[in-house]
């Protein structure tokens, strides 16, 4: 993913989660990196953000790399569904029963 797409995705996530760029830069300790991405948008256009920086951004937002790289809402939903299935597979019967009851109540409203 090139720098422009990473920045666009970061800005989209900031808007969705009602967070600021300053909070992101402070929390992830990549303020210099983010500043350079914006400042040098036209210079050195072949350089892409490092995976390490993108992982820090994902941790800040509480999302997976797959979700970050999803191209559209449908793909984002597929990623979320796979992540939920993976989480469900780690639950014991009692936990599944509680979750099932909650979801039934939640979806019946």
N, C-alpha and C. Protein backbone atom coordinates (compact mmCIF):
# COMPACT_ATOMS: atom_id res chain seq x y z
N UNK A 1 0.86 -1.17 0.00
CA UNK A 1 0.00 0.00 0.00
C UNK A 1 0.90 1.23 0.00
N UNK A 2 0.64 2.14 -0.91
CA UNK A 2 1.50 3.31 -0.99
C UNK A 2 1.15 4.33 0.09
N UNK A 3 2.01 5.31 0.23
CA UNK A 3 1.89 6.31 1.29
C UNK A 3 0.55 7.04 1.25
N UNK A 4 0.12 7.44 0.07
CA UNK A 4 -1.14 8.18 -0.05
C UNK A 4 -2.32 7.35 0.42
N UNK A 5 -2.34 6.08 0.06
CA UNK A 5 -3.44 5.20 0.47
C UNK A 5 -3.40 4.94 1.97
N UNK A 6 -2.19 4.81 2.52
CA UNK A 6 -2.07 4.62 3.98
C UNK A 6 -2.61 5.85 4.69
N UNK A 7 -2.20 7.04 4.25
CA UNK A 7 -2.67 8.27 4.89
C UNK A 7 -4.18 8.41 4.75
N UNK A 8 -4.72 8.08 3.59
CA UNK A 8 -6.17 8.16 3.39
C UNK A 8 -6.89 7.20 4.33
N UNK A 9 -6.34 6.00 4.49
CA UNK A 9 -6.96 5.01 5.38
C UNK A 9 -6.87 5.46 6.83
N UNK A 10 -5.73 6.02 7.22
CA UNK A 10 -5.56 6.53 8.58
C UNK A 10 -6.59 7.64 8.83
N UNK A 11 -6.72 8.56 7.90
CA UNK A 11 -7.68 9.65 8.06
C UNK A 11 -9.11 9.13 8.13
N UNK A 12 -9.42 8.11 7.34
CA UNK A 12 -10.76 7.50 7.38
C UNK A 12 -11.01 6.89 8.76
N UNK A 13 -10.04 6.15 9.29
CA UNK A 13 -10.20 5.52 10.59
C UNK A 13 -10.30 6.55 11.71
N UNK A 14 -9.52 7.62 11.62
CA UNK A 14 -9.60 8.70 12.61
C UNK A 14 -11.01 9.28 12.64
N UNK A 15 -11.57 9.50 11.46
CA UNK A 15 -12.92 10.07 11.37
C UNK A 15 -13.96 9.09 11.93
N UNK A 16 -13.86 7.81 11.53
CA UNK A 16 -14.81 6.79 12.00
C UNK A 16 -14.79 6.65 13.51
N UNK A 17 -13.61 6.73 14.09
CA UNK A 17 -13.46 6.47 15.53
C UNK A 17 -13.41 7.75 16.35
N UNK A 18 -13.63 8.89 15.68
CA UNK A 18 -13.66 10.20 16.35
C UNK A 18 -12.39 10.43 17.17
N UNK A 19 -11.26 10.25 16.52
CA UNK A 19 -9.96 10.43 17.16
C UNK A 19 -9.17 11.47 16.38
N UNK A 20 -8.14 12.01 17.02
CA UNK A 20 -7.32 13.03 16.36
C UNK A 20 -5.99 12.46 15.89
N UNK A 21 -5.43 13.12 14.89
CA UNK A 21 -4.11 12.74 14.40
C UNK A 21 -3.08 12.92 15.51
N UNK A 22 -3.24 13.97 16.32
CA UNK A 22 -2.29 14.20 17.42
C UNK A 22 -2.30 13.03 18.40
N UNK A 23 -3.48 12.52 18.73
CA UNK A 23 -3.56 11.37 19.65
C UNK A 23 -2.88 10.15 19.03
N UNK A 24 -3.11 9.93 17.76
CA UNK A 24 -2.47 8.81 17.07
C UNK A 24 -0.96 8.93 17.10
N UNK A 25 -0.45 10.11 16.75
CA UNK A 25 0.99 10.29 16.69
C UNK A 25 1.63 10.16 18.08
N UNK A 26 0.96 10.69 19.09
CA UNK A 26 1.49 10.61 20.46
C UNK A 26 1.49 9.17 20.96
N UNK A 27 0.38 8.48 20.77
CA UNK A 27 0.22 7.11 21.28
C UNK A 27 1.12 6.11 20.57
N UNK A 28 1.30 6.27 19.28
CA UNK A 28 2.08 5.30 18.50
C UNK A 28 3.55 5.65 18.43
N UNK A 29 3.89 6.86 18.85
CA UNK A 29 5.28 7.33 18.81
C UNK A 29 5.85 7.29 17.39
N UNK A 30 4.99 7.57 16.42
CA UNK A 30 5.47 7.63 15.03
C UNK A 30 5.18 9.01 14.44
N UNK A 31 5.20 10.03 15.30
CA UNK A 31 4.87 11.38 14.83
C UNK A 31 5.81 11.84 13.73
N UNK A 32 7.09 11.58 13.87
CA UNK A 32 8.05 11.98 12.84
C UNK A 32 7.74 11.27 11.53
N UNK A 33 7.44 10.00 11.62
CA UNK A 33 7.11 9.22 10.42
C UNK A 33 5.88 9.79 9.73
N UNK A 34 4.83 10.05 10.50
CA UNK A 34 3.58 10.59 9.93
C UNK A 34 3.84 11.95 9.30
N UNK A 35 4.61 12.77 9.98
CA UNK A 35 4.92 14.10 9.45
C UNK A 35 5.66 13.97 8.12
N UNK A 36 6.62 13.08 8.06
CA UNK A 36 7.38 12.88 6.83
C UNK A 36 6.49 12.35 5.70
N UNK A 37 5.55 11.48 6.03
CA UNK A 37 4.64 10.95 5.01
C UNK A 37 3.88 12.10 4.34
N UNK A 38 3.41 13.05 5.17
CA UNK A 38 2.65 14.17 4.62
C UNK A 38 3.55 15.17 3.91
N UNK A 39 4.66 15.50 4.54
CA UNK A 39 5.57 16.52 4.01
C UNK A 39 6.16 16.11 2.67
N UNK A 40 6.54 14.87 2.56
CA UNK A 40 7.22 14.40 1.35
C UNK A 40 6.29 13.64 0.41
N UNK A 41 5.04 14.05 0.37
CA UNK A 41 4.06 13.32 -0.44
C UNK A 41 4.48 13.23 -1.91
N UNK A 42 5.10 14.27 -2.42
CA UNK A 42 5.49 14.22 -3.83
C UNK A 42 6.92 13.73 -4.00
N UNK A 43 7.76 13.96 -3.00
CA UNK A 43 9.15 13.54 -3.09
C UNK A 43 9.28 12.09 -2.67
N UNK A 44 10.13 11.37 -3.31
CA UNK A 44 10.41 9.98 -2.94
C UNK A 44 9.12 9.16 -2.92
N UNK A 45 8.32 9.32 -3.97
CA UNK A 45 6.99 8.71 -4.04
C UNK A 45 7.01 7.19 -4.03
N UNK A 46 8.15 6.58 -4.29
CA UNK A 46 8.20 5.12 -4.33
C UNK A 46 8.30 4.50 -2.94
N UNK A 47 8.65 5.30 -1.94
CA UNK A 47 8.76 4.76 -0.58
C UNK A 47 7.38 4.54 0.01
N UNK A 48 7.23 3.43 0.67
CA UNK A 48 5.97 3.11 1.33
C UNK A 48 6.19 3.07 2.83
N UNK A 49 5.15 3.31 3.61
CA UNK A 49 5.26 3.20 5.06
C UNK A 49 5.67 1.78 5.45
N UNK A 50 6.44 1.68 6.51
CA UNK A 50 6.90 0.36 6.95
C UNK A 50 5.76 -0.43 7.59
N UNK A 51 5.88 -1.72 7.54
CA UNK A 51 4.89 -2.59 8.16
C UNK A 51 4.85 -2.35 9.67
N UNK A 52 6.00 -2.08 10.26
CA UNK A 52 6.07 -1.80 11.70
C UNK A 52 5.24 -0.57 12.06
N UNK A 53 5.33 0.47 11.25
CA UNK A 53 4.53 1.68 11.49
C UNK A 53 3.04 1.39 11.34
N UNK A 54 2.69 0.63 10.31
CA UNK A 54 1.28 0.30 10.09
C UNK A 54 0.76 -0.58 11.22
N UNK A 55 1.58 -1.50 11.73
CA UNK A 55 1.17 -2.33 12.87
C UNK A 55 0.89 -1.47 14.09
N UNK A 56 1.71 -0.45 14.34
CA UNK A 56 1.48 0.46 15.47
C UNK A 56 0.16 1.19 15.29
N UNK A 57 -0.12 1.61 14.08
CA UNK A 57 -1.39 2.29 13.79
C UNK A 57 -2.56 1.35 14.05
N UNK A 58 -2.43 0.11 13.61
CA UNK A 58 -3.49 -0.89 13.83
C UNK A 58 -3.72 -1.13 15.32
N UNK A 59 -2.65 -1.22 16.09
CA UNK A 59 -2.77 -1.40 17.54
C UNK A 59 -3.51 -0.22 18.15
N UNK A 60 -3.19 0.98 17.72
CA UNK A 60 -3.86 2.18 18.22
C UNK A 60 -5.37 2.11 17.98
N UNK A 61 -5.75 1.70 16.78
CA UNK A 61 -7.17 1.63 16.44
C UNK A 61 -7.85 0.35 16.93
N UNK A 62 -7.06 -0.62 17.39
CA UNK A 62 -7.63 -1.89 17.83
C UNK A 62 -8.16 -2.71 16.67
N UNK A 63 -7.45 -2.68 15.56
CA UNK A 63 -7.87 -3.42 14.37
C UNK A 63 -6.74 -4.32 13.89
N UNK A 64 -7.07 -5.26 13.04
CA UNK A 64 -6.06 -6.15 12.47
C UNK A 64 -5.47 -5.52 11.20
N UNK A 65 -4.34 -6.05 10.80
CA UNK A 65 -3.75 -5.61 9.53
C UNK A 65 -4.71 -5.89 8.37
N UNK A 66 -5.38 -7.03 8.43
CA UNK A 66 -6.34 -7.38 7.37
C UNK A 66 -7.41 -6.31 7.24
N UNK A 67 -7.92 -5.86 8.38
CA UNK A 67 -8.96 -4.83 8.37
C UNK A 67 -8.40 -3.51 7.82
N UNK A 68 -7.17 -3.18 8.23
CA UNK A 68 -6.55 -1.94 7.74
C UNK A 68 -6.44 -1.94 6.22
N UNK A 69 -6.05 -3.09 5.67
CA UNK A 69 -5.83 -3.17 4.23
C UNK A 69 -7.09 -3.47 3.42
N UNK A 70 -8.22 -3.68 4.09
CA UNK A 70 -9.47 -3.95 3.38
C UNK A 70 -9.80 -2.75 2.49
N UNK A 71 -10.22 -3.04 1.28
CA UNK A 71 -10.45 -1.99 0.28
C UNK A 71 -11.84 -1.37 0.34
N UNK A 72 -12.82 -2.09 0.87
CA UNK A 72 -14.17 -1.55 0.89
C UNK A 72 -14.94 -2.13 2.08
N UNK A 73 -16.15 -1.65 2.27
CA UNK A 73 -16.95 -2.08 3.42
C UNK A 73 -17.24 -3.57 3.39
N UNK A 74 -17.52 -4.11 2.23
CA UNK A 74 -17.79 -5.54 2.11
C UNK A 74 -16.58 -6.36 2.55
N UNK A 75 -15.41 -5.95 2.11
CA UNK A 75 -14.18 -6.65 2.49
C UNK A 75 -13.91 -6.48 3.99
N UNK A 76 -14.19 -5.29 4.53
CA UNK A 76 -14.03 -5.06 5.97
C UNK A 76 -14.95 -5.99 6.76
N UNK A 77 -16.18 -6.15 6.28
CA UNK A 77 -17.12 -7.04 6.97
C UNK A 77 -16.65 -8.49 6.92
N UNK A 78 -16.09 -8.90 5.79
CA UNK A 78 -15.55 -10.26 5.69
C UNK A 78 -14.41 -10.48 6.67
N UNK A 79 -13.55 -9.49 6.80
CA UNK A 79 -12.43 -9.59 7.75
C UNK A 79 -12.96 -9.69 9.17
N UNK A 80 -13.92 -8.83 9.50
CA UNK A 80 -14.50 -8.86 10.85
C UNK A 80 -15.16 -10.21 11.13
N UNK A 81 -15.86 -10.75 10.14
CA UNK A 81 -16.52 -12.04 10.31
C UNK A 81 -15.50 -13.14 10.58
N UNK A 82 -14.41 -13.17 9.82
CA UNK A 82 -13.35 -14.17 10.06
C UNK A 82 -12.74 -14.01 11.45
N UNK A 83 -12.53 -12.77 11.87
CA UNK A 83 -11.96 -12.53 13.19
C UNK A 83 -12.93 -13.00 14.29
N UNK A 84 -14.22 -12.74 14.09
CA UNK A 84 -15.21 -13.20 15.06
C UNK A 84 -15.25 -14.73 15.14
N UNK A 85 -15.20 -15.38 14.01
CA UNK A 85 -15.21 -16.85 13.99
C UNK A 85 -13.99 -17.39 14.73
N UNK A 86 -12.85 -16.76 14.51
CA UNK A 86 -11.63 -17.20 15.22
C UNK A 86 -11.79 -17.02 16.73
N UNK A 87 -12.38 -15.90 17.15
CA UNK A 87 -12.61 -15.68 18.59
C UNK A 87 -13.61 -16.68 19.14
N UNK A 88 -14.67 -16.95 18.39
CA UNK A 88 -15.69 -17.90 18.85
C UNK A 88 -15.11 -19.29 19.04
N UNK A 89 -14.18 -19.66 18.21
CA UNK A 89 -13.60 -21.01 18.30
C UNK A 89 -12.79 -21.21 19.58
N UNK A 90 -12.44 -20.12 20.24
CA UNK A 90 -11.66 -20.22 21.48
C UNK A 90 -12.53 -20.18 22.74
N UNK A 91 -13.84 -20.01 22.58
CA UNK A 91 -14.74 -19.95 23.73
C UNK A 91 -15.16 -21.34 24.18
N UNK A 92 -15.40 -21.47 25.49
CA UNK A 92 -15.94 -22.74 25.99
C UNK A 92 -17.46 -22.71 25.88
N UNK A 93 -18.11 -23.83 26.21
CA UNK A 93 -19.56 -23.95 26.04
C UNK A 93 -20.33 -22.90 26.83
N UNK A 94 -19.93 -22.68 28.07
CA UNK A 94 -20.63 -21.70 28.90
C UNK A 94 -20.53 -20.30 28.30
N UNK A 95 -19.36 -19.95 27.82
CA UNK A 95 -19.17 -18.64 27.20
C UNK A 95 -20.00 -18.52 25.92
N UNK A 96 -20.04 -19.59 25.13
CA UNK A 96 -20.85 -19.57 23.92
C UNK A 96 -22.33 -19.42 24.23
N UNK A 97 -22.79 -20.09 25.29
CA UNK A 97 -24.19 -19.98 25.69
C UNK A 97 -24.54 -18.54 26.08
N UNK A 98 -23.68 -17.91 26.86
CA UNK A 98 -23.91 -16.52 27.28
C UNK A 98 -23.93 -15.60 26.07
N UNK A 99 -22.97 -15.78 25.19
CA UNK A 99 -22.89 -14.95 23.99
C UNK A 99 -24.10 -15.17 23.08
N UNK A 100 -24.52 -16.41 22.93
CA UNK A 100 -25.69 -16.72 22.11
C UNK A 100 -26.93 -16.04 22.67
N UNK A 101 -27.14 -16.12 23.99
CA UNK A 101 -28.28 -15.46 24.62
C UNK A 101 -28.23 -13.95 24.39
N UNK A 102 -27.05 -13.38 24.56
CA UNK A 102 -26.89 -11.94 24.35
C UNK A 102 -27.23 -11.55 22.92
N UNK A 103 -26.70 -12.29 21.97
CA UNK A 103 -26.94 -11.97 20.56
C UNK A 103 -28.41 -12.12 20.19
N UNK A 104 -29.06 -13.14 20.73
CA UNK A 104 -30.50 -13.30 20.47
C UNK A 104 -31.27 -12.09 20.99
N UNK A 105 -30.95 -11.68 22.21
CA UNK A 105 -31.63 -10.53 22.80
C UNK A 105 -31.31 -9.26 22.00
N UNK A 106 -30.08 -9.11 21.61
CA UNK A 106 -29.64 -7.93 20.87
C UNK A 106 -30.31 -7.84 19.51
N UNK A 107 -30.43 -8.95 18.81
CA UNK A 107 -30.99 -8.93 17.46
C UNK A 107 -32.51 -8.93 17.43
N UNK A 108 -33.15 -9.27 18.54
CA UNK A 108 -34.62 -9.27 18.59
C UNK A 108 -35.19 -7.89 18.86
N UNK A 109 -34.37 -6.96 19.23
CA UNK A 109 -34.87 -5.60 19.54
C UNK A 109 -35.03 -4.78 18.30
